[in-house]
Protein backbone atom coordinates (compact mmCIF):
# COMPACT_ATOMS: atom_id res chain seq x y z
CA MET A 1 -98.73 -170.23 -116.43
CA TYR A 2 -98.17 -172.82 -119.10
CA ALA A 3 -95.89 -174.31 -121.73
CA LEU A 4 -97.20 -174.15 -125.32
CA LEU A 5 -96.48 -177.46 -127.07
CA ARG A 6 -97.62 -178.94 -130.36
CA ARG A 7 -96.79 -181.56 -132.94
CA GLY A 8 -93.22 -181.30 -134.22
CA ASP A 9 -91.71 -180.00 -130.98
CA ARG A 10 -88.60 -181.74 -129.66
CA LEU A 11 -88.03 -180.44 -126.16
CA PRO A 12 -87.53 -181.59 -122.57
CA THR A 13 -90.97 -180.16 -121.77
CA VAL A 14 -92.48 -182.57 -124.30
CA ALA A 15 -91.06 -185.45 -122.26
CA VAL A 16 -92.76 -184.02 -119.16
CA LEU A 17 -95.97 -183.73 -121.16
CA GLN A 18 -95.69 -187.41 -122.10
CA VAL A 19 -95.17 -188.37 -118.46
CA LEU A 20 -98.27 -186.36 -117.52
CA LEU A 21 -100.33 -187.96 -120.29
CA ASN A 22 -99.24 -191.45 -119.23
CA ARG A 23 -100.92 -190.81 -115.87
CA GLN A 24 -104.22 -190.67 -117.76
CA ILE A 25 -103.70 -193.66 -120.06
CA ALA A 26 -105.01 -196.98 -118.78
CA GLY A 27 -103.63 -199.13 -121.58
CA LYS A 28 -100.40 -198.94 -123.55
CA LYS A 29 -98.35 -195.94 -122.47
CA LEU A 30 -96.63 -193.39 -124.66
CA ALA A 31 -92.92 -193.76 -125.25
CA VAL A 32 -91.33 -190.90 -123.29
CA ASP A 33 -88.82 -189.54 -125.79
CA GLY A 34 -89.35 -185.76 -125.83
CA ILE A 35 -90.67 -185.84 -129.40
CA PHE A 36 -94.19 -184.53 -130.01
CA GLY A 37 -95.32 -186.90 -132.75
CA GLU A 38 -98.66 -188.17 -133.96
CA LYS A 39 -99.13 -190.57 -131.02
CA THR A 40 -98.54 -187.79 -128.51
CA LYS A 41 -100.97 -185.54 -130.38
CA LYS A 42 -103.61 -188.27 -130.30
CA ALA A 43 -103.05 -188.74 -126.56
CA VAL A 44 -103.55 -184.99 -126.05
CA ILE A 45 -106.81 -185.11 -128.04
CA ASP A 46 -107.97 -188.13 -126.04
CA PHE A 47 -107.27 -186.11 -122.89
CA GLN A 48 -109.10 -183.01 -124.19
CA LYS A 49 -112.30 -184.58 -125.53
CA PRO A 50 -113.87 -185.96 -122.33
CA ARG A 51 -113.05 -182.74 -120.47
CA GLY A 52 -114.86 -180.45 -122.87
CA LEU A 53 -111.63 -178.90 -124.16
CA LYS A 54 -111.05 -178.01 -127.80
CA PRO A 55 -109.68 -181.27 -129.26
CA ASP A 56 -106.89 -179.68 -131.31
CA GLY A 57 -103.97 -181.70 -129.96
CA ILE A 58 -102.22 -178.52 -128.83
CA VAL A 59 -101.17 -178.04 -125.22
CA GLY A 60 -101.79 -174.43 -124.26
CA LYS A 61 -103.16 -172.14 -121.58
CA ILE A 62 -106.28 -174.26 -120.99
CA THR A 63 -104.98 -177.81 -121.48
CA TRP A 64 -101.70 -177.41 -119.56
CA PRO A 65 -103.34 -176.46 -116.22
CA ARG A 66 -105.67 -179.45 -116.50
CA LEU A 67 -102.73 -181.78 -117.13
CA ILE A 68 -100.80 -180.61 -114.07
CA ALA A 69 -103.83 -180.70 -111.78
CA ALA A 70 -103.09 -182.70 -108.61
CA THR A 71 -99.39 -181.93 -108.93
CA ASN A 72 -97.37 -179.03 -107.59
CA PHE A 73 -95.66 -178.47 -110.94
CA LYS A 74 -94.91 -174.84 -111.66
CA VAL A 75 -93.42 -172.63 -114.37
CA VAL A 76 -91.32 -169.64 -113.32
CA ASP A 77 -90.48 -166.75 -115.69
CA ALA A 78 -87.71 -164.18 -115.23
CA VAL A 79 -88.09 -161.15 -117.50
CA ASP A 80 -85.51 -158.40 -118.12
CA ILE A 81 -87.65 -155.28 -118.58
CA THR A 82 -84.79 -152.82 -119.03
CA ASP A 83 -86.13 -152.55 -122.58
CA PRO A 84 -89.82 -151.49 -122.37
CA ASP A 85 -90.58 -153.58 -125.46
CA VAL A 86 -89.91 -156.74 -123.46
CA LEU A 87 -92.21 -155.52 -120.69
CA ASN A 88 -94.97 -154.76 -123.18
CA THR A 89 -94.72 -158.07 -125.03
CA GLU A 90 -93.43 -161.03 -123.01
CA GLY A 91 -94.08 -159.40 -119.65
CA ALA A 92 -97.66 -158.44 -120.54
CA ASP A 93 -98.40 -161.81 -122.16
CA ILE A 94 -97.32 -163.74 -119.08
CA LYS A 95 -99.40 -161.57 -116.78
CA ASP A 96 -102.42 -161.87 -119.10
CA VAL A 97 -102.53 -165.64 -118.55
CA GLY A 98 -102.24 -165.33 -114.78
CA GLY A 99 -98.48 -165.61 -114.43
CA ARG A 100 -96.37 -163.68 -111.92
CA PRO A 101 -93.17 -162.96 -113.82
CA ILE A 102 -90.04 -161.89 -111.99
CA PHE A 103 -89.31 -158.45 -113.43
CA THR A 104 -85.76 -157.12 -113.32
CA GLY A 105 -84.47 -153.83 -114.68
CA ALA A 106 -80.94 -152.61 -115.24
CA MET A 107 -78.74 -153.17 -112.21
CA CYS A 108 -75.09 -153.97 -111.72
CA ASN A 109 -75.70 -157.30 -109.97
CA GLY A 110 -78.75 -158.41 -111.88
CA ILE A 111 -77.80 -162.07 -112.02
CA GLY A 112 -77.55 -162.30 -108.25
CA GLU A 113 -80.85 -160.50 -107.78
CA VAL A 114 -82.69 -162.74 -110.25
CA VAL A 115 -81.25 -165.92 -108.74
CA GLN A 116 -82.35 -164.84 -105.28
CA ARG A 117 -85.87 -164.06 -106.44
CA ILE A 118 -86.18 -167.35 -108.31
CA LEU A 119 -85.15 -169.24 -105.19
CA MET A 120 -87.79 -167.35 -103.21
CA ARG A 121 -90.43 -168.58 -105.69
CA THR A 122 -89.36 -172.21 -105.60
CA SER A 123 -88.53 -174.93 -103.12
CA SER A 124 -86.42 -178.06 -102.98
CA ASP A 125 -89.39 -180.41 -103.53
CA GLY A 126 -88.77 -180.82 -107.26
CA SER A 127 -91.92 -178.95 -108.30
CA LEU A 128 -90.19 -176.56 -110.72
CA VAL A 129 -90.86 -178.02 -114.15
CA LEU A 130 -89.74 -175.09 -116.32
CA LEU A 131 -87.66 -171.97 -115.72
CA ARG A 132 -87.70 -169.43 -118.56
CA PHE A 133 -85.49 -166.37 -119.03
CA PHE A 134 -86.71 -163.55 -121.28
CA GLY A 135 -84.55 -160.65 -122.44
CA HIS A 136 -82.27 -159.53 -125.21
CA GLY A 137 -79.68 -161.93 -126.45
CA ALA A 138 -76.98 -162.62 -129.00
CA SER A 139 -74.81 -165.60 -129.80
CA ALA A 140 -73.48 -166.91 -126.45
CA ASN A 141 -75.12 -164.02 -124.59
CA MET A 142 -78.30 -164.09 -122.51
CA GLY A 143 -79.26 -160.74 -121.01
CA ILE A 144 -80.54 -160.90 -117.45
CA SER A 145 -80.71 -157.24 -116.40
CA ASP A 146 -79.07 -155.17 -119.12
CA GLY A 147 -81.65 -154.77 -121.89
CA GLU A 148 -79.59 -154.07 -124.99
CA GLY A 149 -76.54 -153.11 -122.95
CA TYR A 150 -77.52 -149.50 -122.28
CA ILE A 151 -80.05 -147.34 -120.46
CA GLU A 152 -81.87 -144.63 -122.46
CA ASP A 153 -83.40 -141.54 -120.86
CA ARG A 154 -86.44 -139.60 -122.07
CA ARG A 155 -84.31 -137.49 -124.42
CA GLY A 156 -82.91 -140.58 -126.09
CA ARG A 157 -79.47 -140.26 -124.50
CA ARG A 158 -77.86 -143.63 -123.85
CA THR A 159 -75.70 -144.59 -120.92
CA PHE A 160 -73.89 -147.82 -121.71
CA LEU A 161 -73.39 -150.33 -118.91
CA GLU A 162 -69.67 -150.59 -118.31
CA ASP A 163 -69.86 -153.73 -116.19
CA ALA A 164 -71.85 -156.40 -118.01
CA SER A 165 -70.09 -159.15 -116.07
CA ARG A 166 -73.04 -159.52 -113.71
CA THR A 167 -75.94 -158.47 -115.95
CA ALA A 168 -75.72 -161.08 -118.72
CA ILE A 169 -74.60 -164.71 -119.00
CA THR A 170 -71.78 -165.14 -121.51
CA ASN A 171 -68.87 -167.47 -122.12
CA LYS A 172 -66.50 -164.65 -121.20
CA ASN A 173 -67.90 -164.16 -117.70
CA PHE A 174 -69.09 -167.71 -117.09
CA SER A 175 -66.46 -168.59 -114.50
CA ALA A 176 -67.22 -165.40 -112.57
CA VAL A 177 -71.00 -165.86 -112.46
CA ALA A 178 -71.08 -169.67 -112.15
CA PRO A 179 -71.03 -169.66 -108.32
CA THR A 180 -74.08 -167.40 -108.26
CA LEU A 181 -75.92 -169.22 -111.04
CA GLY A 182 -75.06 -172.53 -109.41
CA ARG A 183 -77.32 -171.71 -106.48
CA LEU A 184 -80.27 -172.46 -108.76
CA TRP A 185 -79.31 -176.14 -108.57
CA PHE A 186 -81.38 -176.31 -105.37
CA ALA A 187 -84.53 -175.23 -107.24
CA PHE A 188 -84.42 -178.03 -109.80
CA GLY A 189 -85.94 -181.48 -109.68
CA VAL A 190 -85.98 -184.56 -111.86
CA TYR A 191 -88.50 -183.05 -114.32
CA SER A 192 -86.93 -179.58 -114.54
CA SER A 193 -85.56 -177.79 -117.59
CA VAL A 194 -84.51 -174.23 -118.50
CA GLU A 195 -85.29 -172.16 -121.58
CA LEU A 196 -83.34 -169.05 -122.69
CA HIS A 197 -85.64 -166.87 -124.80
CA GLY A 198 -83.12 -164.28 -125.94
CA CYS A 199 -82.36 -163.79 -129.63
CA GLU A 200 -79.80 -166.16 -131.18
CA VAL A 201 -78.43 -167.32 -127.82
CA ALA A 202 -77.57 -170.78 -129.18
CA ARG A 203 -76.25 -169.58 -132.54
CA GLY A 204 -72.89 -170.96 -133.62
CA VAL A 205 -70.28 -172.96 -131.76
CA ALA A 206 -69.96 -170.36 -128.99
CA GLY A 207 -73.72 -170.27 -128.44
CA ARG A 208 -73.98 -174.03 -128.18
CA GLN A 209 -71.03 -174.05 -125.79
CA LEU A 210 -72.75 -171.60 -123.44
CA VAL A 211 -75.96 -173.63 -123.41
CA GLN A 212 -74.01 -176.81 -122.71
CA ARG A 213 -72.06 -175.18 -119.88
CA LEU A 214 -75.31 -174.13 -118.22
CA ALA A 215 -76.76 -177.63 -118.56
CA GLY A 216 -73.66 -179.02 -116.87
CA LEU A 217 -73.76 -176.42 -114.11
CA TRP A 218 -77.44 -176.92 -113.29
CA GLY A 219 -77.72 -180.64 -114.02
CA VAL A 220 -80.85 -180.11 -116.11
CA PRO A 221 -81.56 -179.65 -119.82
CA VAL A 222 -81.16 -176.12 -121.18
CA SER A 223 -82.73 -175.00 -124.49
CA ALA A 224 -82.22 -171.84 -126.54
CA GLY A 225 -83.11 -170.57 -129.99
CA THR A 226 -80.64 -170.02 -132.81
CA GLN A 227 -82.65 -167.24 -134.45
CA SER A 228 -84.36 -164.02 -133.38
CA GLN A 229 -87.09 -164.42 -130.75
CA TYR A 230 -89.62 -161.63 -131.23
CA GLY A 231 -92.13 -162.79 -128.65
CA GLY A 232 -95.64 -161.46 -128.36
CA CYS A 233 -98.90 -163.41 -128.08
CA VAL A 234 -98.42 -167.19 -128.36
CA SER A 235 -94.81 -166.68 -129.52
CA THR A 236 -93.98 -165.67 -125.97
CA PHE A 237 -94.62 -169.22 -124.81
CA ARG A 238 -92.60 -171.12 -127.39
CA PHE A 239 -89.38 -170.77 -129.36
CA GLU A 240 -89.40 -169.18 -132.80
CA GLY A 241 -87.34 -171.17 -135.27
CA PRO A 242 -84.76 -173.91 -134.63
CA VAL A 243 -83.88 -174.82 -131.05
CA TYR A 244 -80.67 -176.23 -129.60
CA ALA A 245 -81.03 -178.25 -126.39
CA ALA A 246 -78.10 -179.34 -124.22
CA PHE A 247 -78.24 -182.09 -121.62
CA PRO A 248 -76.17 -182.91 -118.54
CA ALA A 249 -74.09 -186.03 -117.98
CA GLY A 250 -73.80 -186.89 -121.67
CA HIS A 251 -77.53 -187.36 -122.14
CA THR A 252 -79.45 -186.78 -125.35
CA LEU A 253 -83.08 -185.74 -125.54
CA ARG A 254 -84.10 -189.37 -125.94
CA SER A 255 -81.95 -190.80 -123.15
CA TRP A 256 -82.82 -188.03 -120.68
CA SER A 257 -86.52 -188.45 -121.46
CA ARG A 258 -86.44 -192.21 -121.05
CA ALA A 259 -84.80 -191.83 -117.65
CA LEU A 260 -87.72 -189.79 -116.26
CA PRO A 261 -89.71 -191.69 -113.64
CA ALA A 262 -93.40 -192.30 -114.14
CA LEU A 263 -95.71 -190.06 -112.13
CA THR A 264 -97.48 -191.94 -109.37
CA GLU A 265 -99.43 -190.59 -106.46
CA MET A 266 -96.36 -191.17 -104.31
CA SER A 267 -94.00 -189.37 -106.71
CA ILE A 268 -96.10 -186.28 -107.42
CA PRO A 269 -94.28 -183.27 -105.94
């Protein structure tokens, strides 16, 4: 499993990339600011060249595993496959690169089920670097186990889910699901962040509010797209279009990134 990063990205995972690269740099270190600029690209190329990797300055399915070697860093993906299209795009893509996505279909307590399964995949040693949620979304709405809000049988007949309070994360149900979602706090470490890969989750004031509430609840950065997220191929592993990132404790991308500790042999999870 990997995070796909390239020049122009401004994400918490870029800050982790910079920390990983600084382990390999003997001289002047990169500024850890979460911004993938020209200096970060050059550092990636300098990492790739002596290892026989394509020196394109892009961190992908081959470069990422080499960067996290000798650490216990891991990426965990939770995928709502109520809609078969999500299974056949994001779900298939993740499996194709060796990932073991957590698949969840329509169920009345999907949030609780997903949280439990994520906790079973992680530990409290701080090794979780990135948690990604895939499913349908809308402004201030991240589907966890409800697809598009209905179940369709073979004849095309739709049964709409009457109780979405535990199948999607929204501002409306946030207080009700926060105790369950809050259990994920134990899975996160100093380098952790969360990405919500539903369509338009961070669109508008309400969308940004939901992302910020999750960052406050979990104590880690949370990122989401403001436009449609079609997924498929490399688009599964990165946001499509503008991204809004929220940070806990009043942090910005720059201040959160600068507060990350350097990776030493003693600090590697």
